[in-house]
Amino acid sequence: MEKVSYSALVDLGYPTDDGRLMTKAATESVNSLFRTGYKHSSAAVSPMGLRQPGEFTDDLFAHSQPVMEDESIGVLDEIMAPRERESSE
């Protein structure tokens, strides 16, 4: 069978630390690469250009992560914190 290799580079449009957005973008790109009739042996997602919040300064005209998403991430972090502590013990 012929070996085929596909790849995709996804630009999220603005810096984000929202795992939901990154997971959605990765899933959509992998789904767009899938081809019926080919045997797929592996798949990989490689995040690139990672930075700490506040490390990257947007230019005056750049889009940035909406405040609402920052608040959602904070709520999810609060929900998951006790579970993370339990799993690390």
C-alpha atoms as a PDB file:
ATOM      1  CA  MET A   1       0.000   0.000   0.000  1.00  0.00           C
ATOM      2  CA  GLU A   2       1.219   3.499  -0.823  1.00  0.00           C
ATOM      3  CA  LYS A   3       2.542   5.545   2.092  1.00  0.00           C
ATOM      4  CA  VAL A   4       0.983   8.984   2.370  1.00  0.00           C
ATOM      5  CA  SER A   5       1.809  11.780   4.779  1.00  0.00           C
ATOM      6  CA  TYR A   6      -0.366  14.799   5.476  1.00  0.00           C
ATOM      7  CA  SER A   7       0.235  17.755   7.754  1.00  0.00           C
ATOM      8  CA  ALA A   8      -1.519  20.933   8.772  1.00  0.00           C
ATOM      9  CA  LEU A   9      -0.424  24.169  10.393  1.00  0.00           C
ATOM     10  CA  VAL A  10      -3.207  25.874  12.348  1.00  0.00           C
ATOM     11  CA  ASP A  11      -3.058  29.541  13.304  1.00  0.00           C
ATOM     12  CA  LEU A  12      -5.416  30.241  16.204  1.00  0.00           C
ATOM     13  CA  GLY A  13      -5.475  33.944  15.356  1.00  0.00           C
ATOM     14  CA  TYR A  14      -4.284  35.150  18.758  1.00  0.00           C
ATOM     15  CA  PRO A  15      -2.225  33.873  21.696  1.00  0.00           C
ATOM     16  CA  THR A  16      -4.314  31.710  24.022  1.00  0.00           C
ATOM     17  CA  ASP A  17      -3.940  29.480  27.060  1.00  0.00           C
ATOM     18  CA  ASP A  18      -7.414  27.998  26.575  1.00  0.00           C
ATOM     19  CA  GLY A  19      -6.964  24.248  26.254  1.00  0.00           C
ATOM     20  CA  ARG A  20     -10.492  23.924  24.868  1.00  0.00           C
ATOM     21  CA  LEU A  21      -9.630  26.083  21.847  1.00  0.00           C
ATOM     22  CA  MET A  22      -6.345  24.282  21.246  1.00  0.00           C
ATOM     23  CA  THR A  23      -8.023  20.869  21.516  1.00  0.00           C
ATOM     24  CA  LYS A  24     -10.808  21.926  19.148  1.00  0.00           C
ATOM     25  CA  ALA A  25      -8.318  23.247  16.580  1.00  0.00           C
ATOM     26  CA  ALA A  26      -6.185  20.086  16.815  1.00  0.00           C
ATOM     27  CA  THR A  27      -9.220  17.798  16.465  1.00  0.00           C
ATOM     28  CA  GLU A  28     -10.571  19.716  13.468  1.00  0.00           C
ATOM     29  CA  SER A  29      -7.207  19.674  11.701  1.00  0.00           C
ATOM     30  CA  VAL A  30      -6.704  15.936  12.290  1.00  0.00           C
ATOM     31  CA  ASN A  31     -10.245  15.257  11.048  1.00  0.00           C
ATOM     32  CA  SER A  32      -9.577  17.316   7.908  1.00  0.00           C
ATOM     33  CA  LEU A  33      -6.492  15.195   7.167  1.00  0.00           C
ATOM     34  CA  PHE A  34      -8.211  11.818   7.531  1.00  0.00           C
ATOM     35  CA  ARG A  35      -8.764   9.996   4.251  1.00  0.00           C
ATOM     36  CA  THR A  36     -11.042   6.983   3.812  1.00  0.00           C
ATOM     37  CA  GLY A  37      -9.318   3.966   2.284  1.00  0.00           C
ATOM     38  CA  TYR A  38      -5.847   4.618   3.753  1.00  0.00           C
ATOM     39  CA  LYS A  39      -4.360   2.814   6.709  1.00  0.00           C
ATOM     40  CA  HIS A  40      -3.390   5.416   9.292  1.00  0.00           C
ATOM     41  CA  SER A  41      -0.549   4.318  11.539  1.00  0.00           C
ATOM     42  CA  SER A  42      -0.166   7.379  13.733  1.00  0.00           C
ATOM     43  CA  ALA A  43      -1.068  10.984  14.342  1.00  0.00           C
ATOM     44  CA  ALA A  44       0.682  13.749  16.256  1.00  0.00           C
ATOM     45  CA  VAL A  45      -0.095  17.274  17.354  1.00  0.00           C
ATOM     46  CA  SER A  46       2.862  19.561  18.073  1.00  0.00           C
ATOM     47  CA  PRO A  47       2.057  22.852  19.782  1.00  0.00           C
ATOM     48  CA  MET A  48       4.492  25.524  18.640  1.00  0.00           C
ATOM     49  CA  GLY A  49       5.276  29.022  19.853  1.00  0.00           C
ATOM     50  CA  LEU A  50       4.169  28.392  23.442  1.00  0.00           C
ATOM     51  CA  ARG A  51       4.598  31.319  25.843  1.00  0.00           C
ATOM     52  CA  GLN A  52       3.634  32.148  29.419  1.00  0.00           C
ATOM     53  CA  PRO A  53       0.647  34.506  29.863  1.00  0.00           C
ATOM     54  CA  GLY A  54       1.911  38.088  29.717  1.00  0.00           C
ATOM     55  CA  GLU A  55       5.178  37.082  28.030  1.00  0.00           C
ATOM     56  CA  PHE A  56       3.907  37.935  24.553  1.00  0.00           C
ATOM     57  CA  THR A  57       2.921  41.532  23.875  1.00  0.00           C
ATOM     58  CA  ASP A  58       0.319  42.015  21.170  1.00  0.00           C
ATOM     59  CA  ASP A  59       0.781  44.825  18.735  1.00  0.00           C
ATOM     60  CA  LEU A  60      -1.776  47.607  18.687  1.00  0.00           C
ATOM     61  CA  PHE A  61      -3.934  45.943  16.004  1.00  0.00           C
ATOM     62  CA  ALA A  62      -3.619  42.266  16.992  1.00  0.00           C
ATOM     63  CA  HIS A  63      -6.574  40.238  18.228  1.00  0.00           C
ATOM     64  CA  SER A  64      -6.266  38.950  21.772  1.00  0.00           C
ATOM     65  CA  GLN A  65      -8.010  36.301  23.852  1.00  0.00           C
ATOM     66  CA  PRO A  66     -11.449  37.547  24.935  1.00  0.00           C
ATOM     67  CA  VAL A  67     -11.807  38.281  28.666  1.00  0.00           C
ATOM     68  CA  MET A  68     -14.787  35.898  28.817  1.00  0.00           C
ATOM     69  CA  GLU A  69     -12.484  32.996  27.900  1.00  0.00           C
ATOM     70  CA  ASP A  70     -10.029  33.999  30.641  1.00  0.00           C
ATOM     71  CA  GLU A  71     -12.895  33.886  33.164  1.00  0.00           C
ATOM     72  CA  SER A  72     -14.055  30.476  31.865  1.00  0.00           C
ATOM     73  CA  ILE A  73     -10.547  29.063  32.216  1.00  0.00           C
ATOM     74  CA  GLY A  74     -10.391  30.336  35.810  1.00  0.00           C
ATOM     75  CA  VAL A  75     -13.665  28.596  36.673  1.00  0.00           C
ATOM     76  CA  LEU A  76     -12.484  25.337  35.099  1.00  0.00           C
ATOM     77  CA  ASP A  77      -9.172  25.575  36.983  1.00  0.00           C
ATOM     78  CA  GLU A  78     -11.066  25.981  40.281  1.00  0.00           C
ATOM     79  CA  ILE A  79     -13.229  22.945  39.505  1.00  0.00           C
ATOM     80  CA  MET A  80     -10.251  20.773  38.551  1.00  0.00           C
ATOM     81  CA  ALA A  81      -7.863  21.843  41.366  1.00  0.00           C
ATOM     82  CA  PRO A  82      -9.156  19.368  44.003  1.00  0.00           C
ATOM     83  CA  ARG A  83      -9.066  16.512  41.467  1.00  0.00           C
ATOM     84  CA  GLU A  84      -5.515  17.377  40.468  1.00  0.00           C
ATOM     85  CA  ARG A  85      -4.427  17.352  44.123  1.00  0.00           C
ATOM     86  CA  GLU A  86      -6.085  13.949  44.663  1.00  0.00           C
ATOM     87  CA  SER A  87      -4.433  12.416  41.600  1.00  0.00           C
ATOM     88  CA  SER A  88      -0.960  13.665  42.601  1.00  0.00           C
ATOM     89  CA  GLU A  89      -1.144  12.069  46.077  1.00  0.00           C
END
